[in-house]
Amino acid sequence: MSLAGVRAAGAVLWRRDGEGRLEIAVVHRPRYDDWSLPKGKLDNGETLAAAAVREVAEETGFPAVLGRHLGRIGYPVPGRDGGTVPKTVDYFAARAGAGEFEPNDEVDELRWLAPERAESLLSRETDVRVLRTFCACPPELSTLLLVRHAKAGKRDEWNGDDDLRPLAAAGFRQAGAVRRMAALFGPDRVFSAPRLRCVQTVQGVAEDIGGEVRHERLFSEEGYWQDPVLGLARLLAIVAGGGTPVICSQGAVIPDVVSTLADRDGVVLPGTKSPAVSSKKGSLWLLSFLPPADGQGPRLADAAYFPSALPAPEPSRR
């Protein structure tokens, strides 16, 4: 989809009440006299994920940790020339942190409601569809950020061990963007193929959480392809550990991992009309997993692809 037009992002903001019941935040906008999910336009130089978190905080007073990407809705809005321009809104699931609502010019009331009551209050059918997508899976999904390393220096200009070939200047900019974007999803562990360019891509993520980058040979090209079944099992074991792990790998590994999981668990991948699964340098796959049950390991529930963590990425959706 073209970047032309109005870009916006929002979230289904959720929490558990004191008795463990699911609640959804719904906001009233006096300008439109409607009930809506929190959302708003992207600022200049802002990513979809960053805009979703910022808008949630501005409209509800609650910080949020993002989860799965719930899709994109589009509709025309009035343009400056009297015609219309396309507007698209990307939605994420978002777990609410501690906060407090204060009425403001944009939102004068917030209600925390059970999903069925929230659905009946929402004014727009598009918001209802997004909420239903959210409710199709448990909110407590495990999230994995699977990152391809950023751009490295040219191979033919590097005389040393290829494992030690560092990021280029453009790669460090990509790594900085990965660092900022990953923070929005609440990462708690960082893993990487043991190549310098992979480690450098996610080093900032590890520093932000006070951890270290754990080297995993099975996520390197040579390690993975010696035994793909073992490599995939290691990835699923990391997911089963809970939290939000970040894994940095390589271009010959990520497409096989994503397509194998999708085929196994019946997930239709976004933007894969051809057999190849996209994996650009500095890109991210946001993979959401159902928790282990009945003796089975984690099962892939949803996948979204961000070609870049730089402003404004466009996740392809099925």
Protein backbone atom coordinates (compact mmCIF):
# COMPACT_ATOMS: atom_id res chain seq x y z
CA MET A 1 0.00 0.00 0.00
CA SER A 2 1.27 3.44 -0.84
CA LEU A 3 2.44 5.79 1.87
CA ALA A 4 0.34 8.55 0.25
CA GLY A 5 -2.59 9.74 2.29
CA VAL A 6 -3.16 9.91 6.04
CA ARG A 7 -1.33 7.41 8.23
CA ALA A 8 -2.51 6.61 11.74
CA ALA A 9 -2.04 3.95 14.39
CA GLY A 10 -3.91 2.78 17.45
CA ALA A 11 -4.44 -0.14 19.78
CA VAL A 12 -6.81 -2.41 21.56
CA LEU A 13 -5.67 -1.49 25.08
CA TRP A 14 -6.39 -4.26 27.57
CA ARG A 15 -5.88 -5.18 31.21
CA ARG A 16 -7.16 -7.64 33.81
CA ASP A 17 -9.32 -6.42 36.67
CA GLY A 18 -8.84 -7.50 40.29
CA GLU A 19 -10.65 -10.76 39.60
CA GLY A 20 -8.73 -11.56 36.45
CA ARG A 21 -11.44 -10.53 34.00
CA LEU A 22 -10.44 -8.98 30.68
CA GLU A 23 -11.20 -5.28 30.20
CA ILE A 24 -10.89 -3.14 27.06
CA ALA A 25 -10.36 0.63 27.00
CA VAL A 26 -12.92 2.58 24.95
CA VAL A 27 -12.69 6.37 24.64
CA HIS A 28 -15.27 9.06 23.90
CA ARG A 29 -14.21 11.82 21.48
CA PRO A 30 -16.33 14.95 21.95
CA ARG A 31 -15.35 16.35 18.55
CA TYR A 32 -17.10 13.44 16.82
CA ASP A 33 -19.37 12.42 19.71
CA ASP A 34 -18.35 8.81 19.19
CA TRP A 35 -16.84 5.90 21.11
CA SER A 36 -13.61 4.64 19.67
CA LEU A 37 -10.48 2.62 20.21
CA PRO A 38 -7.55 4.96 21.00
CA LYS A 39 -5.73 6.00 17.83
CA GLY A 40 -4.24 8.98 16.03
CA LYS A 41 -2.09 10.27 13.18
CA LEU A 42 1.63 9.61 12.91
CA ASP A 43 3.93 12.50 13.70
CA ASN A 44 6.71 13.28 11.25
CA GLY A 45 9.51 10.72 11.53
CA GLU A 46 7.41 8.37 13.65
CA THR A 47 6.86 4.65 13.19
CA LEU A 48 3.51 2.94 13.38
CA ALA A 49 4.42 1.20 16.62
CA ALA A 50 5.69 4.40 18.25
CA ALA A 51 2.57 6.28 17.19
CA ALA A 52 0.32 3.59 18.67
CA VAL A 53 2.04 3.79 22.05
CA ARG A 54 2.09 7.59 22.06
CA GLU A 55 -1.57 7.91 21.08
CA VAL A 56 -2.65 5.41 23.72
CA ALA A 57 -0.78 7.38 26.38
CA GLU A 58 -2.16 10.73 25.20
CA GLU A 59 -5.77 9.58 24.94
CA THR A 60 -5.99 7.26 27.96
CA GLY A 61 -3.19 8.22 30.37
CA PHE A 62 -1.89 4.63 30.37
CA PRO A 63 1.51 3.47 29.13
CA ALA A 64 1.34 0.37 26.96
CA VAL A 65 3.44 -2.59 25.88
CA LEU A 66 2.63 -3.70 22.36
CA GLY A 67 1.77 -7.22 21.30
CA ARG A 68 0.55 -8.60 17.98
CA HIS A 69 -0.34 -6.47 14.99
CA LEU A 70 -4.12 -6.65 14.54
CA GLY A 71 -4.30 -5.40 11.00
CA ARG A 72 -4.93 -2.29 8.98
CA ILE A 73 -8.20 -0.64 8.11
CA GLY A 74 -8.66 1.99 5.43
CA TYR A 75 -11.28 4.55 4.50
CA PRO A 76 -11.47 7.91 2.68
CA VAL A 77 -11.29 11.22 4.53
CA PRO A 78 -11.78 14.79 3.27
CA GLY A 79 -8.75 16.27 1.50
CA ARG A 80 -7.59 19.85 1.23
CA ASP A 81 -8.80 20.21 -2.36
CA GLY A 82 -12.39 19.30 -1.52
CA GLY A 83 -11.98 15.68 -2.59
CA THR A 84 -10.95 12.73 -0.48
CA VAL A 85 -7.66 11.06 0.41
CA PRO A 86 -7.12 7.54 1.75
CA LYS A 87 -6.57 7.09 5.47
CA THR A 88 -5.14 3.91 6.92
CA VAL A 89 -4.97 2.94 10.59
CA ASP A 90 -2.76 0.15 11.88
CA TYR A 91 -3.80 -1.46 15.16
CA PHE A 92 -1.83 -3.39 17.75
CA ALA A 93 -2.80 -5.29 20.84
CA ALA A 94 -1.44 -3.34 23.82
CA ARG A 95 -1.19 -4.34 27.48
CA ALA A 96 -1.88 -1.43 29.82
CA GLY A 97 0.59 -0.41 32.49
CA ALA A 98 -0.14 1.66 35.57
CA GLY A 99 -1.76 4.97 34.69
CA GLU A 100 -4.65 7.33 35.28
CA PHE A 101 -7.06 8.92 32.84
CA GLU A 102 -7.50 12.67 32.75
CA PRO A 103 -10.11 14.25 30.46
CA ASN A 104 -8.69 16.41 27.68
CA ASP A 105 -9.80 18.19 24.51
CA GLU A 106 -9.57 15.02 22.41
CA VAL A 107 -11.02 12.52 24.88
CA ASP A 108 -13.43 13.44 27.65
CA GLU A 109 -14.29 9.95 28.95
CA LEU A 110 -12.66 6.53 29.17
CA ARG A 111 -14.42 3.30 30.06
CA TRP A 112 -12.89 -0.07 30.89
CA LEU A 113 -15.38 -2.67 29.67
CA ALA A 114 -15.71 -6.38 29.08
CA PRO A 115 -15.12 -7.14 25.37
CA GLU A 116 -18.80 -7.72 24.56
CA ARG A 117 -19.82 -4.46 26.23
CA ALA A 118 -17.00 -2.60 24.50
CA GLU A 119 -18.16 -3.95 21.15
CA SER A 120 -21.73 -2.77 21.73
CA LEU A 121 -20.52 0.73 22.64
CA LEU A 122 -18.10 1.29 19.74
CA SER A 123 -19.51 3.64 17.13
CA ARG A 124 -17.68 2.38 14.06
CA GLU A 125 -17.91 -1.04 12.45
CA THR A 126 -14.21 -0.88 11.62
CA ASP A 127 -13.36 -0.65 15.32
CA VAL A 128 -15.67 -3.59 16.01
CA ARG A 129 -13.81 -5.68 13.42
CA VAL A 130 -10.47 -4.83 15.02
CA LEU A 131 -11.78 -5.75 18.47
CA ARG A 132 -13.08 -9.07 17.16
CA THR A 133 -9.68 -9.81 15.65
CA PHE A 134 -8.12 -9.13 19.04
CA CYS A 135 -10.64 -11.39 20.81
CA ALA A 136 -9.98 -14.26 18.38
CA CYS A 137 -6.84 -15.13 20.39
CA PRO A 138 -6.04 -14.97 24.11
CA PRO A 139 -4.53 -11.59 25.00
CA GLU A 140 -1.56 -13.19 26.78
CA LEU A 141 0.20 -14.41 23.65
CA SER A 142 3.97 -14.80 23.65
CA THR A 143 5.70 -12.31 21.37
CA LEU A 144 8.93 -12.93 19.47
CA LEU A 145 10.79 -10.28 17.49
CA LEU A 146 12.81 -12.06 14.81
CA VAL A 147 15.29 -9.58 13.35
CA ARG A 148 17.53 -9.84 10.32
CA HIS A 149 20.88 -8.18 10.91
CA ALA A 150 21.34 -4.66 9.60
CA LYS A 151 23.54 -3.66 6.68
CA ALA A 152 27.20 -4.59 7.07
CA GLY A 153 30.27 -3.33 5.25
CA LYS A 154 30.84 -4.76 1.79
CA ARG A 155 32.25 -8.27 1.79
CA ASP A 156 34.75 -7.52 -0.99
CA GLU A 157 36.13 -4.59 1.01
CA TRP A 158 36.69 -6.65 4.18
CA ASN A 159 39.94 -8.59 4.49
CA GLY A 160 39.38 -10.21 7.87
CA ASP A 161 37.28 -13.06 9.17
CA ASP A 162 33.78 -12.66 7.76
CA ASP A 163 32.29 -13.42 11.18
CA LEU A 164 33.89 -10.17 12.35
CA ARG A 165 32.63 -7.98 9.49
CA PRO A 166 30.92 -5.03 11.27
CA LEU A 167 27.89 -2.96 10.43
CA ALA A 168 28.19 -0.11 7.98
CA ALA A 169 27.09 3.41 8.91
CA ALA A 170 23.66 2.71 7.40
CA GLY A 171 23.55 -0.50 9.42
CA PHE A 172 24.14 1.33 12.68
CA ARG A 173 21.21 3.64 11.82
CA GLN A 174 19.07 0.56 11.23
CA ALA A 175 20.26 -0.96 14.50
CA GLY A 176 19.28 2.21 16.35
CA ALA A 177 15.81 1.98 14.84
CA VAL A 178 15.55 -1.70 15.83
CA ARG A 179 16.51 -0.70 19.37
CA ARG A 180 13.79 1.94 19.59
CA MET A 181 11.11 -0.24 18.05
CA ALA A 182 11.91 -3.34 20.10
CA ALA A 183 11.57 -1.32 23.32
CA LEU A 184 7.87 -0.78 22.55
CA PHE A 185 7.23 -4.53 22.85
CA GLY A 186 8.85 -4.98 26.27
CA PRO A 187 11.78 -7.27 25.38
CA ASP A 188 13.37 -9.25 28.20
CA ARG A 189 16.00 -11.45 26.52
CA VAL A 190 18.22 -11.04 23.47
CA PHE A 191 19.76 -13.80 21.33
CA SER A 192 21.89 -13.61 18.21
CA ALA A 193 23.78 -15.63 15.69
CA PRO A 194 27.46 -15.31 16.73
CA ARG A 195 28.45 -12.92 13.96
CA LEU A 196 29.50 -9.40 14.77
CA ARG A 197 26.98 -7.78 12.42
CA CYS A 198 24.16 -9.76 14.05
CA VAL A 199 25.29 -8.98 17.58
CA GLN A 200 25.74 -5.28 16.80
CA THR A 201 22.20 -5.09 15.42
CA VAL A 202 20.64 -6.02 18.77
CA GLN A 203 23.35 -4.88 21.20
CA GLY A 204 21.40 -1.74 22.05
CA VAL A 205 18.29 -3.77 22.87
CA ALA A 206 20.30 -5.83 25.37
CA GLU A 207 21.82 -2.71 26.91
CA ASP A 208 18.40 -1.15 27.41
CA ILE A 209 17.19 -4.11 29.49
CA GLY A 210 20.44 -4.46 31.42
CA GLY A 211 21.24 -7.81 29.81
CA GLU A 212 23.62 -9.29 27.30
CA VAL A 213 23.37 -10.72 23.83
CA ARG A 214 23.40 -14.51 24.12
CA HIS A 215 25.14 -16.19 21.20
CA GLU A 216 23.24 -19.02 19.51
CA ARG A 217 25.09 -20.85 16.75
CA LEU A 218 21.85 -22.55 15.67
CA PHE A 219 20.59 -19.18 14.43
CA SER A 220 23.55 -18.67 12.10
CA GLU A 221 23.31 -19.88 8.51
CA GLU A 222 25.83 -22.68 8.89
CA GLY A 223 24.51 -23.74 12.30
CA TYR A 224 20.86 -23.74 11.31
CA TRP A 225 21.25 -25.63 8.04
CA GLN A 226 23.26 -28.39 9.66
CA ASP A 227 20.06 -29.33 11.50
CA PRO A 228 17.00 -27.12 10.82
CA VAL A 229 14.81 -29.25 13.10
CA LEU A 230 17.17 -28.60 16.00
CA GLY A 231 17.37 -24.89 15.17
CA LEU A 232 13.60 -24.56 15.12
CA ALA A 233 13.32 -26.51 18.38
CA ARG A 234 15.74 -24.10 20.03
CA LEU A 235 13.70 -21.11 18.88
CA LEU A 236 10.49 -22.66 20.22
CA ALA A 237 12.19 -23.44 23.53
CA ILE A 238 13.08 -19.76 23.85
CA VAL A 239 9.47 -18.79 23.10
CA ALA A 240 8.22 -21.32 25.67
CA GLY A 241 10.28 -19.51 28.29
CA GLY A 242 7.72 -16.68 28.14
CA GLY A 243 8.32 -12.96 28.01
CA THR A 244 9.32 -11.22 24.80
CA PRO A 245 12.59 -12.51 23.38
CA VAL A 246 14.45 -10.83 20.52
CA ILE A 247 16.42 -13.03 18.13
CA CYS A 248 18.77 -11.71 15.44
CA SER A 249 19.54 -14.08 12.60
CA GLN A 250 20.46 -14.12 8.91
CA GLY A 251 18.72 -13.96 5.57
CA ALA A 252 19.11 -17.64 4.74
CA VAL A 253 17.55 -18.67 8.07
CA ILE A 254 14.60 -16.39 8.79
CA PRO A 255 12.45 -17.25 5.73
CA ASP A 256 12.70 -20.97 6.47
CA VAL A 257 11.88 -20.50 10.15
CA VAL A 258 8.83 -18.33 9.43
CA SER A 259 7.47 -20.43 6.57
CA THR A 260 7.99 -23.70 8.47
CA LEU A 261 6.10 -22.41 11.50
CA ALA A 262 3.32 -20.96 9.34
CA ASP A 263 2.89 -24.19 7.37
CA ARG A 264 2.90 -26.27 10.54
CA ASP A 265 0.36 -24.15 12.38
CA GLY A 266 -1.87 -23.05 9.50
CA VAL A 267 -1.03 -19.34 9.55
CA VAL A 268 -1.36 -17.44 6.27
CA LEU A 269 1.66 -15.17 5.98
CA PRO A 270 1.35 -11.55 4.86
CA GLY A 271 2.75 -10.42 1.54
CA THR A 272 3.88 -13.84 0.33
CA LYS A 273 2.28 -14.23 -3.09
CA SER A 274 5.54 -15.77 -4.27
CA PRO A 275 7.15 -18.73 -2.49
CA ALA A 276 9.78 -16.49 -0.87
CA VAL A 277 9.23 -15.05 2.61
CA SER A 278 10.55 -11.49 2.87
CA SER A 279 13.54 -10.77 5.08
CA LYS A 280 15.28 -7.50 4.25
CA LYS A 281 18.32 -6.37 6.21
CA GLY A 282 17.20 -4.56 9.34
CA SER A 283 13.66 -5.98 9.04
CA LEU A 284 11.56 -7.57 11.79
CA TRP A 285 9.04 -10.38 11.95
CA LEU A 286 6.57 -9.94 14.79
CA LEU A 287 5.55 -13.50 15.67
CA SER A 288 2.81 -14.22 18.21
CA PHE A 289 2.43 -17.65 19.82
CA LEU A 290 -0.28 -19.43 21.72
CA PRO A 291 1.04 -20.73 25.05
CA PRO A 292 1.97 -24.43 25.35
CA ALA A 293 -1.02 -26.66 26.10
CA ASP A 294 -1.83 -30.38 26.24
CA GLY A 295 1.81 -31.31 26.17
CA GLN A 296 2.45 -29.37 22.95
CA GLY A 297 4.93 -26.54 22.55
CA PRO A 298 4.09 -22.98 21.47
CA ARG A 299 1.93 -22.67 18.34
CA LEU A 300 2.19 -19.76 15.94
CA ALA A 301 -1.00 -17.68 16.06
CA ASP A 302 -0.12 -14.63 13.98
CA ALA A 303 2.71 -13.04 12.01
CA ALA A 304 3.38 -9.50 10.78
CA TYR A 305 6.36 -8.29 8.78
CA PHE A 306 8.02 -4.88 9.14
CA PRO A 307 10.42 -4.28 6.22
CA SER A 308 12.18 -1.65 8.31
CA ALA A 309 12.20 -0.31 11.85
CA LEU A 310 12.91 3.14 10.46
CA PRO A 311 10.04 5.64 10.11
CA ALA A 312 7.36 4.82 8.66
CA PRO A 313 7.44 1.06 8.18
CA GLU A 314 4.50 -0.64 6.57
CA PRO A 315 3.73 -4.12 7.91
CA SER A 316 2.20 -6.28 5.22
CA ARG A 317 -0.93 -8.07 6.31
CA ARG A 318 -2.75 -11.08 4.93
